[in-house]
Amino acid sequence: MVQQVTNGIKISVTSNFESTSYRNFRLYFAFSYEVTIENQSNDTVQLLERQWTIFDSLNHNEVVEGLGVIGKKPILKPTQKYTYKSSCFLTSRIGAMKGFYNMINFSTSKTFKVYIPTFQLMVSSIHN
């Protein structure tokens, strides 16, 4: 698990190798990841947007951005947590992801970035 706190918002991420998949005669490696967002600040905040940078060891980088996460824009009061799961496909056995969320502080009406720490994506057999 990796963790990082930005402006009182704690991000924790775990990742897992799930399986391989063939699409269009090409082998892909499927990974899942679980993100927990914890509001350790004194203000209510809302996640508005996300941006991910996905790297794989074959030097292929992809930027993914959009509104919310998994179709939701969670609102977090102080001490609340929000956890979601998602996935990605790589063309190699090793990769990484990092990114940030754009959030709004309801007390100040200001938007701010919350950084998602870099986490590794690695096929299980490589750990041994």
C-alpha atoms as a PDB file:
ATOM      1  CA  MET A   1       0.000   0.000   0.000  1.00  0.00           C
ATOM      2  CA  VAL A   2       1.138   3.516  -0.762  1.00  0.00           C
ATOM      3  CA  GLN A   3      -0.209   6.619   0.973  1.00  0.00           C
ATOM      4  CA  GLN A   4       0.053  10.376   0.628  1.00  0.00           C
ATOM      5  CA  VAL A   5      -1.628  13.361   2.301  1.00  0.00           C
ATOM      6  CA  THR A   6      -2.291  16.610   0.422  1.00  0.00           C
ATOM      7  CA  ASN A   7      -4.156  19.500   2.065  1.00  0.00           C
ATOM      8  CA  GLY A   8      -5.590  17.173   4.701  1.00  0.00           C
ATOM      9  CA  ILE A   9      -6.831  14.573   2.200  1.00  0.00           C
ATOM     10  CA  LYS A  10      -5.200  11.156   2.605  1.00  0.00           C
ATOM     11  CA  ILE A  11      -4.985   8.865  -0.414  1.00  0.00           C
ATOM     12  CA  SER A  12      -4.221   5.158   0.082  1.00  0.00           C
ATOM     13  CA  VAL A  13      -3.806   2.781  -2.861  1.00  0.00           C
ATOM     14  CA  THR A  14      -3.351  -0.972  -3.181  1.00  0.00           C
ATOM     15  CA  SER A  15      -3.000  -2.830  -6.487  1.00  0.00           C
ATOM     16  CA  ASN A  16      -3.268  -6.436  -7.648  1.00  0.00           C
ATOM     17  CA  PHE A  17      -2.494  -8.434 -10.759  1.00  0.00           C
ATOM     18  CA  GLU A  18      -5.732 -10.065 -11.926  1.00  0.00           C
ATOM     19  CA  SER A  19      -5.124 -12.007 -15.142  1.00  0.00           C
ATOM     20  CA  THR A  20      -4.050 -11.909 -18.756  1.00  0.00           C
ATOM     21  CA  SER A  21      -6.340 -11.212 -21.669  1.00  0.00           C
ATOM     22  CA  TYR A  22      -6.053 -11.408 -25.437  1.00  0.00           C
ATOM     23  CA  ARG A  23      -7.613  -8.650 -27.507  1.00  0.00           C
ATOM     24  CA  ASN A  24      -6.991  -8.193 -31.222  1.00  0.00           C
ATOM     25  CA  PHE A  25      -4.311 -10.910 -31.122  1.00  0.00           C
ATOM     26  CA  ARG A  26      -2.349  -9.069 -28.427  1.00  0.00           C
ATOM     27  CA  LEU A  27      -1.610 -10.111 -24.847  1.00  0.00           C
ATOM     28  CA  TYR A  28      -2.635  -7.689 -22.086  1.00  0.00           C
ATOM     29  CA  PHE A  29      -2.060  -7.821 -18.340  1.00  0.00           C
ATOM     30  CA  ALA A  30      -5.051  -6.822 -16.219  1.00  0.00           C
ATOM     31  CA  PHE A  31      -4.546  -5.038 -12.912  1.00  0.00           C
ATOM     32  CA  SER A  32      -7.027  -3.837 -10.314  1.00  0.00           C
ATOM     33  CA  TYR A  33      -6.473  -1.086  -7.799  1.00  0.00           C
ATOM     34  CA  GLU A  34      -8.379   0.143  -4.770  1.00  0.00           C
ATOM     35  CA  VAL A  35      -8.252   3.767  -3.672  1.00  0.00           C
ATOM     36  CA  THR A  36      -9.356   5.091  -0.292  1.00  0.00           C
ATOM     37  CA  ILE A  37      -9.840   8.843   0.046  1.00  0.00           C
ATOM     38  CA  GLU A  38      -9.953  10.021   3.656  1.00  0.00           C
ATOM     39  CA  ASN A  39     -10.849  13.562   4.656  1.00  0.00           C
ATOM     40  CA  GLN A  40      -8.533  14.430   7.559  1.00  0.00           C
ATOM     41  CA  SER A  41      -9.260  18.158   7.211  1.00  0.00           C
ATOM     42  CA  ASN A  42     -11.821  20.247   9.075  1.00  0.00           C
ATOM     43  CA  ASP A  43     -13.766  21.116   5.895  1.00  0.00           C
ATOM     44  CA  THR A  44     -16.239  19.315   3.656  1.00  0.00           C
ATOM     45  CA  VAL A  45     -14.779  18.581   0.215  1.00  0.00           C
ATOM     46  CA  GLN A  46     -15.931  17.090  -3.068  1.00  0.00           C
ATOM     47  CA  LEU A  47     -13.977  15.201  -5.698  1.00  0.00           C
ATOM     48  CA  LEU A  48     -14.679  16.805  -9.085  1.00  0.00           C
ATOM     49  CA  GLU A  49     -12.179  15.376 -11.592  1.00  0.00           C
ATOM     50  CA  ARG A  50      -9.342  12.903 -11.906  1.00  0.00           C
ATOM     51  CA  GLN A  51      -6.216  12.589 -13.999  1.00  0.00           C
ATOM     52  CA  TRP A  52      -4.119   9.437 -14.160  1.00  0.00           C
ATOM     53  CA  THR A  53      -0.812   8.821 -15.872  1.00  0.00           C
ATOM     54  CA  ILE A  54      -0.324   5.127 -16.600  1.00  0.00           C
ATOM     55  CA  PHE A  55       3.183   3.855 -17.413  1.00  0.00           C
ATOM     56  CA  ASP A  56       4.317   0.434 -18.566  1.00  0.00           C
ATOM     57  CA  SER A  57       7.810  -0.978 -18.936  1.00  0.00           C
ATOM     58  CA  LEU A  58       7.535  -0.924 -22.740  1.00  0.00           C
ATOM     59  CA  ASN A  59       7.630   2.899 -22.571  1.00  0.00           C
ATOM     60  CA  HIS A  60       3.955   3.301 -23.354  1.00  0.00           C
ATOM     61  CA  ASN A  61       2.382   6.132 -21.347  1.00  0.00           C
ATOM     62  CA  GLU A  62      -1.300   6.969 -21.268  1.00  0.00           C
ATOM     63  CA  VAL A  63      -3.102   9.909 -19.653  1.00  0.00           C
ATOM     64  CA  VAL A  64      -6.691   9.315 -18.553  1.00  0.00           C
ATOM     65  CA  GLU A  65      -8.826  12.164 -17.293  1.00  0.00           C
ATOM     66  CA  GLY A  66     -12.458  12.780 -16.625  1.00  0.00           C
ATOM     67  CA  LEU A  67     -15.183  13.776 -14.222  1.00  0.00           C
ATOM     68  CA  GLY A  68     -15.358  12.051 -10.856  1.00  0.00           C
ATOM     69  CA  VAL A  69     -14.356   8.450 -10.231  1.00  0.00           C
ATOM     70  CA  ILE A  70     -16.350   5.435 -11.445  1.00  0.00           C
ATOM     71  CA  GLY A  71     -19.184   7.778 -12.377  1.00  0.00           C
ATOM     72  CA  LYS A  72     -19.405   9.469  -8.970  1.00  0.00           C
ATOM     73  CA  LYS A  73     -18.317  12.765  -7.418  1.00  0.00           C
ATOM     74  CA  PRO A  74     -18.169  11.874  -3.738  1.00  0.00           C
ATOM     75  CA  ILE A  75     -18.628  14.492  -1.007  1.00  0.00           C
ATOM     76  CA  LEU A  76     -16.567  13.895   2.117  1.00  0.00           C
ATOM     77  CA  LYS A  77     -17.237  15.537   5.450  1.00  0.00           C
ATOM     78  CA  PRO A  78     -14.407  15.670   8.011  1.00  0.00           C
ATOM     79  CA  THR A  79     -13.284  12.139   9.050  1.00  0.00           C
ATOM     80  CA  GLN A  80     -15.264  10.459   6.233  1.00  0.00           C
ATOM     81  CA  LYS A  81     -13.709   7.941   3.832  1.00  0.00           C
ATOM     82  CA  TYR A  82     -14.638   6.911   0.315  1.00  0.00           C
ATOM     83  CA  THR A  83     -13.270   3.723  -1.256  1.00  0.00           C
ATOM     84  CA  TYR A  84     -13.594   2.573  -4.850  1.00  0.00           C
ATOM     85  CA  LYS A  85     -12.096  -0.077  -7.111  1.00  0.00           C
ATOM     86  CA  SER A  86     -11.061   0.196 -10.735  1.00  0.00           C
ATOM     87  CA  SER A  87      -8.743  -1.483 -13.209  1.00  0.00           C
ATOM     88  CA  CYS A  88      -6.380  -1.005 -16.124  1.00  0.00           C
ATOM     89  CA  PHE A  89      -4.641  -3.043 -18.810  1.00  0.00           C
ATOM     90  CA  LEU A  90      -0.929  -2.950 -19.629  1.00  0.00           C
ATOM     91  CA  THR A  91       0.991  -4.421 -22.536  1.00  0.00           C
ATOM     92  CA  SER A  92       3.832  -5.394 -20.198  1.00  0.00           C
ATOM     93  CA  ARG A  93       4.206  -7.258 -16.897  1.00  0.00           C
ATOM     94  CA  ILE A  94       5.395  -4.179 -15.003  1.00  0.00           C
ATOM     95  CA  GLY A  95       4.026  -0.666 -14.813  1.00  0.00           C
ATOM     96  CA  ALA A  96       2.942   2.118 -12.520  1.00  0.00           C
ATOM     97  CA  MET A  97       0.243   4.726 -12.087  1.00  0.00           C
ATOM     98  CA  LYS A  98       0.094   8.154 -10.496  1.00  0.00           C
ATOM     99  CA  GLY A  99      -2.189  11.129 -10.727  1.00  0.00           C
ATOM    100  CA  PHE A 100      -4.302  13.683  -8.949  1.00  0.00           C
ATOM    101  CA  TYR A 101      -7.860  14.613  -8.100  1.00  0.00           C
ATOM    102  CA  ASN A 102      -9.277  18.102  -8.494  1.00  0.00           C
ATOM    103  CA  MET A 103     -11.413  18.783  -5.444  1.00  0.00           C
ATOM    104  CA  ILE A 104     -13.420  21.691  -4.071  1.00  0.00           C
ATOM    105  CA  ASN A 105     -13.437  22.895  -0.476  1.00  0.00           C
ATOM    106  CA  PHE A 106     -17.020  23.890   0.380  1.00  0.00           C
ATOM    107  CA  SER A 107     -15.873  26.261   3.177  1.00  0.00           C
ATOM    108  CA  THR A 108     -13.701  28.379   0.895  1.00  0.00           C
ATOM    109  CA  SER A 109     -15.236  27.543  -2.528  1.00  0.00           C
ATOM    110  CA  LYS A 110     -11.677  27.018  -3.799  1.00  0.00           C
ATOM    111  CA  THR A 111     -10.538  24.092  -5.893  1.00  0.00           C
ATOM    112  CA  PHE A 112      -7.307  22.273  -5.099  1.00  0.00           C
ATOM    113  CA  LYS A 113      -5.298  19.263  -6.265  1.00  0.00           C
ATOM    114  CA  VAL A 114      -4.879  16.114  -4.203  1.00  0.00           C
ATOM    115  CA  TYR A 115      -1.973  13.993  -5.408  1.00  0.00           C
ATOM    116  CA  ILE A 116      -2.226  10.239  -5.855  1.00  0.00           C
ATOM    117  CA  PRO A 117       1.150   8.666  -5.052  1.00  0.00           C
ATOM    118  CA  THR A 118       2.881   6.492  -7.620  1.00  0.00           C
ATOM    119  CA  PHE A 119       2.017   2.831  -7.162  1.00  0.00           C
ATOM    120  CA  GLN A 120       3.427  -0.225  -8.878  1.00  0.00           C
ATOM    121  CA  LEU A 121       1.593  -2.648 -11.155  1.00  0.00           C
ATOM    122  CA  MET A 122       3.445  -5.947 -11.295  1.00  0.00           C
ATOM    123  CA  VAL A 123       2.574  -9.507 -12.320  1.00  0.00           C
ATOM    124  CA  SER A 124       2.591 -11.697  -9.193  1.00  0.00           C
ATOM    125  CA  SER A 125       5.255 -14.122 -10.411  1.00  0.00           C
ATOM    126  CA  ILE A 126       7.787 -11.281 -10.683  1.00  0.00           C
ATOM    127  CA  HIS A 127       7.692 -10.778  -6.893  1.00  0.00           C
ATOM    128  CA  ASN A 128       9.182 -14.270  -6.308  1.00  0.00           C
END
